[in-house]
Amino acid sequence: MTGPPPSLQDAEIVGRSLTEPELFAHLYDRYAADIHRYVQRRLGAGAADDITAETFLIAFRTRSRYDTERAHARPWLYGIAANLIGKQRRTEVRALRALARTGHDPVAESWSERADDRVTAQSAHAPLAGALAGLSAGDRHVLLLVAWADLTYPEVAEALGIPVGTVRSRLNRARRKVRSALGADPAFTLDTPEVV
């Protein structure tokens, strides 16, 4: 399959896929690896393939409802993935609690090249996983879409169907709770500036 012209935006692909369904595969090519990595971080390797596939299946089936005024489909796809992850919430919380107990994170471990990196990283995983498990689903979604998926505040708002102000408040609350759980002063802020 040859790709669409680089200038073809996601919205155009979605719109044209209504009459040319094979074009939708280009969205998969653009975003599947990112969605898969995000789901894998949230639920583990076992669920990542299924959730990624289901994300794109749902997107394909509901593409006629896509708002073509939105040039980029990335937030829409992350929103679908977040909803599917929400249905798997118990699995995610169990995995985070297991990580908090054992300190073993096979996903992060595969990213570490050197032994000293693994030792340093693993010592931080357990408390962080426990802190993440203690967050509400909404706060965890916002925090991880910003931290792991690199979505901007407006993209998170679009993905979750919430106002940008809600994204800010949930992110602030999540960061404060994580800092507190990690033993840092909750008033200490080393946040990155808001990207819009």
N, C-alpha and C. Protein backbone atom coordinates (compact mmCIF):
# COMPACT_ATOMS: atom_id res chain seq x y z
N MET A 1 0.85 -1.18 0.00
CA MET A 1 0.00 0.00 0.00
C MET A 1 0.89 1.23 0.00
N THR A 2 0.61 2.13 -0.91
CA THR A 2 1.35 3.37 -0.91
C THR A 2 0.62 4.35 -0.01
N GLY A 3 1.37 5.18 0.65
CA GLY A 3 0.78 6.13 1.60
C GLY A 3 0.09 7.28 0.90
N PRO A 4 -0.80 7.93 1.64
CA PRO A 4 -1.42 9.11 1.08
C PRO A 4 -0.38 10.22 1.00
N PRO A 5 -0.65 11.25 0.23
CA PRO A 5 0.31 12.36 0.20
C PRO A 5 0.55 12.86 1.62
N PRO A 6 1.81 13.21 1.93
CA PRO A 6 2.12 13.66 3.29
C PRO A 6 1.25 14.83 3.75
N SER A 7 0.76 15.62 2.81
CA SER A 7 -0.06 16.77 3.18
C SER A 7 -1.49 16.39 3.54
N LEU A 8 -1.87 15.15 3.29
CA LEU A 8 -3.23 14.70 3.58
C LEU A 8 -3.39 14.58 5.09
N GLN A 9 -4.27 15.40 5.66
CA GLN A 9 -4.47 15.40 7.10
C GLN A 9 -5.37 14.24 7.52
N ASP A 10 -5.32 13.94 8.82
CA ASP A 10 -6.10 12.84 9.36
C ASP A 10 -7.58 12.99 9.03
N ALA A 11 -8.10 14.20 9.19
CA ALA A 11 -9.53 14.42 8.94
C ALA A 11 -9.89 14.09 7.50
N GLU A 12 -9.00 14.41 6.57
CA GLU A 12 -9.25 14.08 5.17
C GLU A 12 -9.24 12.58 4.95
N ILE A 13 -8.33 11.90 5.62
CA ILE A 13 -8.27 10.44 5.51
C ILE A 13 -9.56 9.83 6.03
N VAL A 14 -9.99 10.29 7.21
CA VAL A 14 -11.22 9.74 7.80
C VAL A 14 -12.40 10.01 6.86
N GLY A 15 -12.51 11.25 6.39
CA GLY A 15 -13.62 11.60 5.50
C GLY A 15 -13.62 10.79 4.22
N ARG A 16 -12.47 10.67 3.60
CA ARG A 16 -12.39 9.91 2.35
C ARG A 16 -12.56 8.42 2.58
N SER A 17 -12.25 7.94 3.79
CA SER A 17 -12.38 6.51 4.07
C SER A 17 -13.84 6.05 4.07
N LEU A 18 -14.76 6.99 4.13
CA LEU A 18 -16.18 6.61 4.07
C LEU A 18 -16.52 6.01 2.71
N THR A 19 -15.85 6.46 1.68
CA THR A 19 -16.07 5.90 0.34
C THR A 19 -14.89 5.05 -0.11
N GLU A 20 -13.73 5.25 0.51
CA GLU A 20 -12.53 4.47 0.21
C GLU A 20 -12.00 3.87 1.52
N PRO A 21 -12.65 2.82 2.03
CA PRO A 21 -12.31 2.29 3.37
C PRO A 21 -10.85 1.92 3.55
N GLU A 22 -10.17 1.54 2.49
CA GLU A 22 -8.77 1.14 2.60
C GLU A 22 -7.87 2.29 3.06
N LEU A 23 -8.30 3.52 2.86
CA LEU A 23 -7.50 4.68 3.30
C LEU A 23 -7.35 4.72 4.82
N PHE A 24 -8.31 4.16 5.53
CA PHE A 24 -8.25 4.21 6.99
C PHE A 24 -6.99 3.53 7.52
N ALA A 25 -6.45 2.60 6.77
CA ALA A 25 -5.22 1.91 7.19
C ALA A 25 -4.07 2.88 7.41
N HIS A 26 -4.11 4.03 6.74
CA HIS A 26 -3.04 5.00 6.92
C HIS A 26 -3.06 5.60 8.33
N LEU A 27 -4.24 5.73 8.93
CA LEU A 27 -4.28 6.20 10.32
C LEU A 27 -3.66 5.15 11.24
N TYR A 28 -3.93 3.90 10.94
CA TYR A 28 -3.32 2.82 11.71
C TYR A 28 -1.79 2.92 11.60
N ASP A 29 -1.31 3.09 10.39
CA ASP A 29 0.14 3.19 10.18
C ASP A 29 0.74 4.37 10.93
N ARG A 30 0.02 5.47 11.00
CA ARG A 30 0.53 6.67 11.67
C ARG A 30 0.54 6.53 13.19
N TYR A 31 -0.48 5.88 13.76
CA TYR A 31 -0.69 5.98 15.22
C TYR A 31 -0.70 4.67 15.99
N ALA A 32 -0.73 3.54 15.34
CA ALA A 32 -0.86 2.27 16.07
C ALA A 32 0.30 2.02 17.04
N ALA A 33 1.51 2.31 16.62
CA ALA A 33 2.66 2.05 17.50
C ALA A 33 2.59 2.91 18.76
N ASP A 34 2.18 4.17 18.62
CA ASP A 34 2.06 5.05 19.78
C ASP A 34 0.95 4.58 20.72
N ILE A 35 -0.19 4.23 20.15
CA ILE A 35 -1.31 3.73 20.96
C ILE A 35 -0.89 2.45 21.68
N HIS A 36 -0.22 1.55 20.96
CA HIS A 36 0.22 0.29 21.55
C HIS A 36 1.16 0.52 22.73
N ARG A 37 2.15 1.42 22.56
CA ARG A 37 3.08 1.71 23.65
C ARG A 37 2.34 2.26 24.87
N TYR A 38 1.39 3.15 24.61
CA TYR A 38 0.62 3.75 25.70
C TYR A 38 -0.19 2.68 26.44
N VAL A 39 -0.89 1.83 25.71
CA VAL A 39 -1.69 0.78 26.34
C VAL A 39 -0.79 -0.21 27.07
N GLN A 40 0.34 -0.53 26.48
CA GLN A 40 1.27 -1.46 27.13
C GLN A 40 1.74 -0.91 28.46
N ARG A 41 2.04 0.39 28.51
CA ARG A 41 2.45 1.00 29.78
C ARG A 41 1.32 0.94 30.80
N ARG A 42 0.08 1.07 30.33
CA ARG A 42 -1.05 1.10 31.24
C ARG A 42 -1.49 -0.30 31.69
N LEU A 43 -1.51 -1.26 30.76
CA LEU A 43 -2.11 -2.56 31.08
C LEU A 43 -1.17 -3.75 30.89
N GLY A 44 -0.01 -3.53 30.32
CA GLY A 44 0.92 -4.63 30.09
C GLY A 44 0.84 -5.16 28.67
N ALA A 45 1.82 -5.96 28.33
CA ALA A 45 1.95 -6.46 26.95
C ALA A 45 0.78 -7.35 26.56
N GLY A 46 0.26 -8.11 27.50
CA GLY A 46 -0.83 -9.03 27.18
C GLY A 46 -2.06 -8.35 26.63
N ALA A 47 -2.38 -7.18 27.13
CA ALA A 47 -3.59 -6.48 26.70
C ALA A 47 -3.33 -5.48 25.57
N ALA A 48 -2.09 -5.11 25.36
CA ALA A 48 -1.79 -4.04 24.41
C ALA A 48 -2.23 -4.36 22.98
N ASP A 49 -1.96 -5.56 22.52
CA ASP A 49 -2.35 -5.92 21.15
C ASP A 49 -3.86 -5.85 20.99
N ASP A 50 -4.58 -6.43 21.94
CA ASP A 50 -6.04 -6.46 21.84
C ASP A 50 -6.65 -5.06 21.92
N ILE A 51 -6.20 -4.28 22.87
CA ILE A 51 -6.77 -2.93 23.04
C ILE A 51 -6.43 -2.05 21.85
N THR A 52 -5.22 -2.17 21.33
CA THR A 52 -4.84 -1.39 20.15
C THR A 52 -5.72 -1.77 18.97
N ALA A 53 -5.88 -3.06 18.74
CA ALA A 53 -6.72 -3.52 17.63
C ALA A 53 -8.16 -3.05 17.82
N GLU A 54 -8.67 -3.18 19.04
CA GLU A 54 -10.05 -2.76 19.31
C GLU A 54 -10.21 -1.25 19.14
N THR A 55 -9.19 -0.49 19.52
CA THR A 55 -9.22 0.97 19.35
C THR A 55 -9.45 1.32 17.88
N PHE A 56 -8.68 0.70 17.01
CA PHE A 56 -8.80 1.02 15.58
C PHE A 56 -10.07 0.43 14.96
N LEU A 57 -10.52 -0.68 15.47
CA LEU A 57 -11.78 -1.26 14.99
C LEU A 57 -12.95 -0.32 15.34
N ILE A 58 -12.97 0.15 16.57
CA ILE A 58 -14.03 1.09 16.99
C ILE A 58 -13.92 2.38 16.18
N ALA A 59 -12.70 2.87 16.00
CA ALA A 59 -12.52 4.09 15.21
C ALA A 59 -13.03 3.90 13.79
N PHE A 60 -12.73 2.77 13.21
CA PHE A 60 -13.19 2.50 11.85
C PHE A 60 -14.71 2.43 11.78
N ARG A 61 -15.30 1.74 12.74
CA ARG A 61 -16.76 1.58 12.74
C ARG A 61 -17.50 2.89 13.01
N THR A 62 -16.86 3.80 13.75
CA THR A 62 -17.53 5.06 14.12
C THR A 62 -16.99 6.25 13.33
N ARG A 63 -16.23 6.01 12.30
CA ARG A 63 -15.57 7.10 11.57
C ARG A 63 -16.55 8.08 10.95
N SER A 64 -17.77 7.65 10.70
CA SER A 64 -18.75 8.58 10.12
C SER A 64 -19.13 9.68 11.11
N ARG A 65 -18.89 9.45 12.40
CA ARG A 65 -19.20 10.46 13.42
C ARG A 65 -18.00 11.35 13.75
N TYR A 66 -16.87 11.11 13.11
CA TYR A 66 -15.67 11.91 13.37
C TYR A 66 -15.91 13.34 12.92
N ASP A 67 -15.52 14.29 13.76
CA ASP A 67 -15.65 15.70 13.45
C ASP A 67 -14.49 16.11 12.54
N THR A 68 -14.76 16.25 11.27
CA THR A 68 -13.69 16.54 10.30
C THR A 68 -13.14 17.96 10.44
N GLU A 69 -13.72 18.76 11.35
CA GLU A 69 -13.13 20.07 11.65
C GLU A 69 -11.85 19.90 12.47
N ARG A 70 -11.68 18.75 13.06
CA ARG A 70 -10.48 18.44 13.84
C ARG A 70 -9.47 17.78 12.91
N ALA A 71 -8.41 18.48 12.62
CA ALA A 71 -7.44 18.02 11.62
C ALA A 71 -6.73 16.73 12.05
N HIS A 72 -6.50 16.58 13.35
CA HIS A 72 -5.70 15.44 13.84
C HIS A 72 -6.56 14.43 14.57
N ALA A 73 -6.40 13.17 14.21
CA ALA A 73 -7.17 12.08 14.82
C ALA A 73 -6.51 11.52 16.07
N ARG A 74 -5.31 11.94 16.36
CA ARG A 74 -4.56 11.40 17.51
C ARG A 74 -5.35 11.49 18.83
N PRO A 75 -5.88 12.65 19.21
CA PRO A 75 -6.64 12.69 20.47
C PRO A 75 -7.87 11.79 20.45
N TRP A 76 -8.55 11.72 19.32
CA TRP A 76 -9.73 10.86 19.17
C TRP A 76 -9.35 9.41 19.42
N LEU A 77 -8.24 8.97 18.84
CA LEU A 77 -7.80 7.59 19.02
C LEU A 77 -7.38 7.31 20.46
N TYR A 78 -6.66 8.26 21.08
CA TYR A 78 -6.29 8.09 22.49
C TYR A 78 -7.53 8.08 23.38
N GLY A 79 -8.55 8.84 23.01
CA GLY A 79 -9.79 8.83 23.77
C GLY A 79 -10.46 7.47 23.73
N ILE A 80 -10.49 6.86 22.55
CA ILE A 80 -11.06 5.52 22.42
C ILE A 80 -10.24 4.54 23.26
N ALA A 81 -8.92 4.63 23.15
CA ALA A 81 -8.06 3.74 23.93
C ALA A 81 -8.27 3.95 25.43
N ALA A 82 -8.39 5.20 25.86
CA ALA A 82 -8.61 5.49 27.28
C ALA A 82 -9.92 4.89 27.77
N ASN A 83 -10.96 4.96 26.94
CA ASN A 83 -12.24 4.34 27.32
C ASN A 83 -12.10 2.83 27.45
N LEU A 84 -11.37 2.21 26.55
CA LEU A 84 -11.17 0.77 26.63
C LEU A 84 -10.32 0.40 27.84
N ILE A 85 -9.32 1.23 28.13
CA ILE A 85 -8.49 1.01 29.32
C ILE A 85 -9.36 1.14 30.57
N GLY A 86 -10.27 2.12 30.55
CA GLY A 86 -11.17 2.29 31.69
C GLY A 86 -11.97 1.05 31.98
N LYS A 87 -12.34 0.34 30.93
CA LYS A 87 -13.07 -0.92 31.12
C LYS A 87 -12.17 -1.99 31.72
N GLN A 88 -10.87 -1.81 31.55
CA GLN A 88 -9.89 -2.76 32.09
C GLN A 88 -9.26 -2.23 33.38
N ARG A 89 -9.92 -1.27 34.01
CA ARG A 89 -9.34 -0.57 35.17
C ARG A 89 -8.83 -1.52 36.25
N ARG A 90 -9.59 -2.54 36.55
CA ARG A 90 -9.15 -3.46 37.61
C ARG A 90 -7.83 -4.12 37.25
N THR A 91 -7.66 -4.46 35.98
CA THR A 91 -6.41 -5.06 35.53
C THR A 91 -5.25 -4.08 35.73
N GLU A 92 -5.49 -2.81 35.36
CA GLU A 92 -4.45 -1.79 35.50
C GLU A 92 -4.08 -1.59 36.97
N VAL A 93 -5.07 -1.48 37.83
CA VAL A 93 -4.80 -1.25 39.25
C VAL A 93 -4.06 -2.45 39.84
N ARG A 94 -4.46 -3.67 39.47
CA ARG A 94 -3.75 -4.87 39.94
C ARG A 94 -2.29 -4.84 39.50
N ALA A 95 -2.05 -4.45 38.23
CA ALA A 95 -0.68 -4.40 37.72
C ALA A 95 0.14 -3.34 38.46
N LEU A 96 -0.47 -2.19 38.71
CA LEU A 96 0.25 -1.14 39.44
C LEU A 96 0.55 -1.57 40.87
N ARG A 97 -0.39 -2.23 41.50
CA ARG A 97 -0.15 -2.70 42.88
C ARG A 97 0.92 -3.78 42.91
N ALA A 98 0.92 -4.67 41.90
CA ALA A 98 1.97 -5.69 41.83
C ALA A 98 3.32 -5.04 41.62
N LEU A 99 3.37 -4.02 40.77
CA LEU A 99 4.62 -3.29 40.55
C LEU A 99 5.05 -2.59 41.84
N ALA A 100 4.09 -2.05 42.58
CA ALA A 100 4.41 -1.39 43.85
C ALA A 100 5.02 -2.40 44.84
N ARG A 101 4.51 -3.63 44.83
CA ARG A 101 5.03 -4.66 45.74
C ARG A 101 6.39 -5.17 45.31
N THR A 102 6.53 -5.47 44.02
CA THR A 102 7.74 -6.15 43.55
C THR A 102 8.81 -5.22 43.01
N GLY A 103 8.41 -4.06 42.52
CA GLY A 103 9.37 -3.16 41.90
C GLY A 103 9.80 -3.60 40.52
N HIS A 104 9.17 -4.63 39.98
CA HIS A 104 9.55 -5.16 38.66
C HIS A 104 8.58 -4.66 37.60
N ASP A 105 9.11 -3.93 36.64
CA ASP A 105 8.32 -3.41 35.53
C ASP A 105 8.95 -3.89 34.23
N PRO A 106 8.41 -4.96 33.62
CA PRO A 106 9.03 -5.50 32.42
C PRO A 106 9.02 -4.53 31.24
N VAL A 107 8.06 -3.64 31.16
CA VAL A 107 8.02 -2.68 30.06
C VAL A 107 9.18 -1.70 30.19
N ALA A 108 9.31 -1.09 31.36
CA ALA A 108 10.39 -0.13 31.55
C ALA A 108 11.75 -0.82 31.48
N GLU A 109 11.80 -2.04 31.97
CA GLU A 109 13.05 -2.78 31.95
C GLU A 109 13.55 -2.97 30.53
N SER A 110 12.64 -3.21 29.59
CA SER A 110 13.06 -3.42 28.21
C SER A 110 13.61 -2.15 27.59
N TRP A 111 13.28 -1.00 28.14
CA TRP A 111 13.78 0.28 27.63
C TRP A 111 15.16 0.60 28.17
N SER A 112 15.54 -0.01 29.26
CA SER A 112 16.83 0.31 29.88
C SER A 112 17.93 -0.46 29.20
N GLU A 113 18.95 0.23 28.81
CA GLU A 113 20.06 -0.42 28.12
C GLU A 113 21.15 -0.88 29.10
N ARG A 114 21.36 -0.13 30.15
CA ARG A 114 22.47 -0.42 31.02
C ARG A 114 21.98 -0.87 32.39
N ALA A 115 22.79 -1.70 33.05
CA ALA A 115 22.40 -2.26 34.34
C ALA A 115 22.19 -1.17 35.39
N ASP A 116 23.04 -0.16 35.43
CA ASP A 116 22.86 0.88 36.44
C ASP A 116 21.57 1.66 36.21
N ASP A 117 21.16 1.82 34.95
CA ASP A 117 19.88 2.46 34.67
C ASP A 117 18.73 1.63 35.22
N ARG A 118 18.83 0.29 35.06
CA ARG A 118 17.77 -0.59 35.55
C ARG A 118 17.66 -0.52 37.07
N VAL A 119 18.78 -0.52 37.75
CA VAL A 119 18.75 -0.47 39.22
C VAL A 119 18.12 0.84 39.68
N THR A 120 18.52 1.95 39.11
CA THR A 120 17.98 3.25 39.48
C THR A 120 16.49 3.33 39.14
N ALA A 121 16.14 2.90 37.96
CA ALA A 121 14.75 2.99 37.52
C ALA A 121 13.85 2.09 38.37
N GLN A 122 14.29 0.86 38.65
CA GLN A 122 13.44 -0.05 39.40
C GLN A 122 13.21 0.44 40.82
N SER A 123 14.16 1.11 41.40
CA SER A 123 13.96 1.59 42.76
C SER A 123 12.87 2.65 42.81
N ALA A 124 12.63 3.34 41.71
CA ALA A 124 11.58 4.36 41.67
C ALA A 124 10.24 3.82 41.22
N HIS A 125 10.21 2.66 40.54
CA HIS A 125 8.97 2.13 39.99
C HIS A 125 7.94 1.75 41.05
N ALA A 126 8.36 1.07 42.09
CA ALA A 126 7.41 0.57 43.07
C ALA A 126 6.61 1.70 43.74
N PRO A 127 7.25 2.72 44.27
CA PRO A 127 6.46 3.80 44.90
C PRO A 127 5.58 4.54 43.88
N LEU A 128 6.10 4.74 42.67
CA LEU A 128 5.31 5.43 41.65
C LEU A 128 4.08 4.61 41.27
N ALA A 129 4.26 3.32 41.10
CA ALA A 129 3.12 2.46 40.76
C ALA A 129 2.07 2.49 41.85
N GLY A 130 2.50 2.47 43.10
CA GLY A 130 1.55 2.56 44.20
C GLY A 130 0.81 3.88 44.18
N ALA A 131 1.52 4.96 43.89
CA ALA A 131 0.88 6.28 43.81
C ALA A 131 -0.12 6.32 42.66
N LEU A 132 0.23 5.76 41.51
CA LEU A 132 -0.69 5.74 40.37
C LEU A 132 -1.93 4.90 40.67
N ALA A 133 -1.74 3.79 41.36
CA ALA A 133 -2.87 2.93 41.70
C ALA A 133 -3.85 3.64 42.62
N GLY A 134 -3.35 4.58 43.41
CA GLY A 134 -4.20 5.30 44.35
C GLY A 134 -4.99 6.44 43.73
N LEU A 135 -4.71 6.78 42.48
CA LEU A 135 -5.44 7.87 41.82
C LEU A 135 -6.80 7.39 41.32
N SER A 136 -7.73 8.31 41.21
CA SER A 136 -9.01 7.98 40.58
C SER A 136 -8.74 7.70 39.10
N ALA A 137 -9.64 7.00 38.45
CA ALA A 137 -9.47 6.67 37.03
C ALA A 137 -9.33 7.94 36.19
N GLY A 138 -10.15 8.95 36.46
CA GLY A 138 -10.10 10.19 35.69
C GLY A 138 -8.78 10.91 35.84
N ASP A 139 -8.29 10.99 37.08
CA ASP A 139 -7.00 11.65 37.33
C ASP A 139 -5.86 10.87 36.67
N ARG A 140 -5.91 9.54 36.78
CA ARG A 140 -4.87 8.71 36.18
C ARG A 140 -4.87 8.85 34.66
N HIS A 141 -6.05 8.85 34.04
CA HIS A 141 -6.13 9.03 32.58
C HIS A 141 -5.44 10.33 32.17
N VAL A 142 -5.80 11.42 32.83
CA VAL A 142 -5.23 12.73 32.46
C VAL A 142 -3.71 12.73 32.65
N LEU A 143 -3.25 12.30 33.81
CA LEU A 143 -1.82 12.30 34.10
C LEU A 143 -1.05 11.47 33.08
N LEU A 144 -1.53 10.27 32.77
CA LEU A 144 -0.78 9.40 31.89
C LEU A 144 -0.90 9.78 30.42
N LEU A 145 -2.01 10.40 30.03
CA LEU A 145 -2.09 10.91 28.65
C LEU A 145 -1.10 12.05 28.44
N VAL A 146 -0.87 12.85 29.48
CA VAL A 146 0.12 13.92 29.38
C VAL A 146 1.54 13.34 29.48
N ALA A 147 1.76 12.48 30.47
CA ALA A 147 3.11 11.99 30.74
C ALA A 147 3.59 10.93 29.75
N TRP A 148 2.73 9.99 29.41
CA TRP A 148 3.17 8.87 28.58
C TRP A 148 2.81 9.02 27.11
N ALA A 149 1.72 9.72 26.82
CA ALA A 149 1.31 9.87 25.41
C ALA A 149 1.72 11.22 24.85
N ASP A 150 2.24 12.10 25.71
CA ASP A 150 2.67 13.44 25.29
C ASP A 150 1.56 14.24 24.62
N LEU A 151 0.33 14.07 25.08
CA LEU A 151 -0.77 14.87 24.56
C LEU A 151 -0.75 16.23 25.23
N THR A 152 -1.15 17.25 24.51
CA THR A 152 -1.28 18.59 25.08
C THR A 152 -2.57 18.64 25.89
N TYR A 153 -2.74 19.68 26.68
CA TYR A 153 -3.96 19.82 27.47
C TYR A 153 -5.21 19.80 26.58
N PRO A 154 -5.23 20.57 25.49
CA PRO A 154 -6.41 20.53 24.62
C PRO A 154 -6.63 19.14 24.00
N GLU A 155 -5.55 18.43 23.68
CA GLU A 155 -5.70 17.08 23.13
C GLU A 155 -6.27 16.12 24.16
N VAL A 156 -5.83 16.24 25.42
CA VAL A 156 -6.38 15.41 26.48
C VAL A 156 -7.87 15.72 26.65
N ALA A 157 -8.20 17.01 26.65
CA ALA A 157 -9.61 17.41 26.77
C ALA A 157 -10.43 16.80 25.65
N GLU A 158 -9.92 16.86 24.45
CA GLU A 158 -10.62 16.28 23.30
C GLU A 158 -10.73 14.76 23.43
N ALA A 159 -9.63 14.12 23.83
CA ALA A 159 -9.61 12.66 23.95
C ALA A 159 -10.62 12.16 24.98
N LEU A 160 -10.75 12.89 26.08
CA LEU A 160 -11.62 12.43 27.17
C LEU A 160 -12.99 13.09 27.15
N GLY A 161 -13.17 14.06 26.26
CA GLY A 161 -14.46 14.74 26.18
C GLY A 161 -14.76 15.58 27.41
N ILE A 162 -13.72 16.26 27.92
CA ILE A 162 -13.87 17.11 29.10
C ILE A 162 -13.29 18.49 28.79
N PRO A 163 -13.68 19.51 29.55
CA PRO A 163 -13.11 20.84 29.32
C PRO A 163 -11.62 20.89 29.69
N VAL A 164 -10.90 21.81 29.07
CA VAL A 164 -9.47 21.98 29.35
C VAL A 164 -9.26 22.34 30.82
N GLY A 165 -10.17 23.10 31.40
CA GLY A 165 -10.06 23.44 32.82
C GLY A 165 -10.11 22.20 33.70
N THR A 166 -10.90 21.22 33.31
CA THR A 166 -10.97 19.96 34.06
C THR A 166 -9.67 19.20 33.91
N VAL A 167 -9.08 19.25 32.73
CA VAL A 167 -7.77 18.61 32.53
C VAL A 167 -6.77 19.23 33.49
N ARG A 168 -6.74 20.55 33.55
CA ARG A 168 -5.79 21.24 34.44
C ARG A 168 -5.99 20.84 35.90
N SER A 169 -7.25 20.85 36.34
CA SER A 169 -7.50 20.54 37.76
C SER A 169 -7.19 19.08 38.07
N ARG A 170 -7.54 18.17 37.16
CA ARG A 170 -7.23 16.75 37.40
C ARG A 170 -5.73 16.51 37.39
N LEU A 171 -5.03 17.16 36.47
CA LEU A 171 -3.58 16.99 36.40
C LEU A 171 -2.92 17.56 37.64
N ASN A 172 -3.36 18.70 38.08
CA ASN A 172 -2.82 19.32 39.29
C ASN A 172 -3.05 18.40 40.50
N ARG A 173 -4.27 17.90 40.62
CA ARG A 173 -4.60 17.00 41.74
C ARG A 173 -3.77 15.72 41.67
N ALA A 174 -3.65 15.14 40.47
CA ALA A 174 -2.88 13.90 40.32
C ALA A 174 -1.42 14.12 40.66
N ARG A 175 -0.84 15.19 40.17
CA ARG A 175 0.56 15.48 40.47
C ARG A 175 0.78 15.68 41.96
N ARG A 176 -0.14 16.41 42.59
CA ARG A 176 -0.02 16.66 44.03
C ARG A 176 -0.10 15.33 44.81
N LYS A 177 -1.03 14.45 44.43
CA LYS A 177 -1.17 13.16 45.12
C LYS A 177 0.05 12.27 44.89
N VAL A 178 0.57 12.27 43.68
CA VAL A 178 1.75 11.45 43.39
C VAL A 178 2.95 11.96 44.17
N ARG A 179 3.15 13.28 44.17
CA ARG A 179 4.26 13.85 44.95
C ARG A 179 4.15 13.47 46.42
N SER A 180 2.94 13.61 46.94
CA SER A 180 2.72 13.28 48.35
C SER A 180 3.00 11.81 48.62
N ALA A 181 2.51 10.94 47.74
CA ALA A 181 2.73 9.50 47.92
C ALA A 181 4.20 9.13 47.81
N LEU A 182 4.95 9.91 47.04
CA LEU A 182 6.38 9.64 46.87
C LEU A 182 7.22 10.30 47.95
N GLY A 183 6.55 11.02 48.86
CA GLY A 183 7.26 11.65 49.96
C GLY A 183 7.84 13.00 49.63
N ALA A 184 7.47 13.54 48.49
CA ALA A 184 7.94 14.89 48.13
C ALA A 184 6.97 15.91 48.69
N ASP A 185 7.45 17.08 48.88
CA ASP A 185 6.60 18.16 49.35
C ASP A 185 5.58 18.47 48.26
N PRO A 186 4.27 18.29 48.53
CA PRO A 186 3.26 18.53 47.51
C PRO A 186 3.28 19.96 46.97
N ALA A 187 3.84 20.90 47.73
CA ALA A 187 3.90 22.28 47.26
C ALA A 187 5.02 22.48 46.25
N PHE A 188 5.98 21.54 46.22
CA PHE A 188 7.08 21.63 45.28
C PHE A 188 6.56 21.38 43.89
N THR A 189 6.83 22.28 42.98
CA THR A 189 6.36 22.10 41.61
C THR A 189 7.52 22.13 40.65
N LEU A 190 7.67 21.05 39.97
CA LEU A 190 8.68 20.93 38.91
C LEU A 190 7.94 20.56 37.64
N ASP A 191 6.72 21.09 37.53
CA ASP A 191 5.89 20.75 36.39
C ASP A 191 6.42 21.41 35.14
N THR A 192 6.17 20.72 34.04
CA THR A 192 6.51 21.32 32.77
C THR A 192 5.40 22.31 32.43
N PRO A 193 5.72 23.34 31.71
CA PRO A 193 4.69 24.33 31.37
C PRO A 193 3.63 23.70 30.50
N GLU A 194 2.45 24.26 30.59
CA GLU A 194 1.32 23.77 29.80
C GLU A 194 1.60 24.00 28.33
N VAL A 195 1.39 22.95 27.55
CA VAL A 195 1.57 23.05 26.12
C VAL A 195 0.20 23.10 25.48
N VAL A 196 -0.05 24.13 24.71
CA VAL A 196 -1.35 24.27 24.05
C VAL A 196 -1.22 24.20 22.56
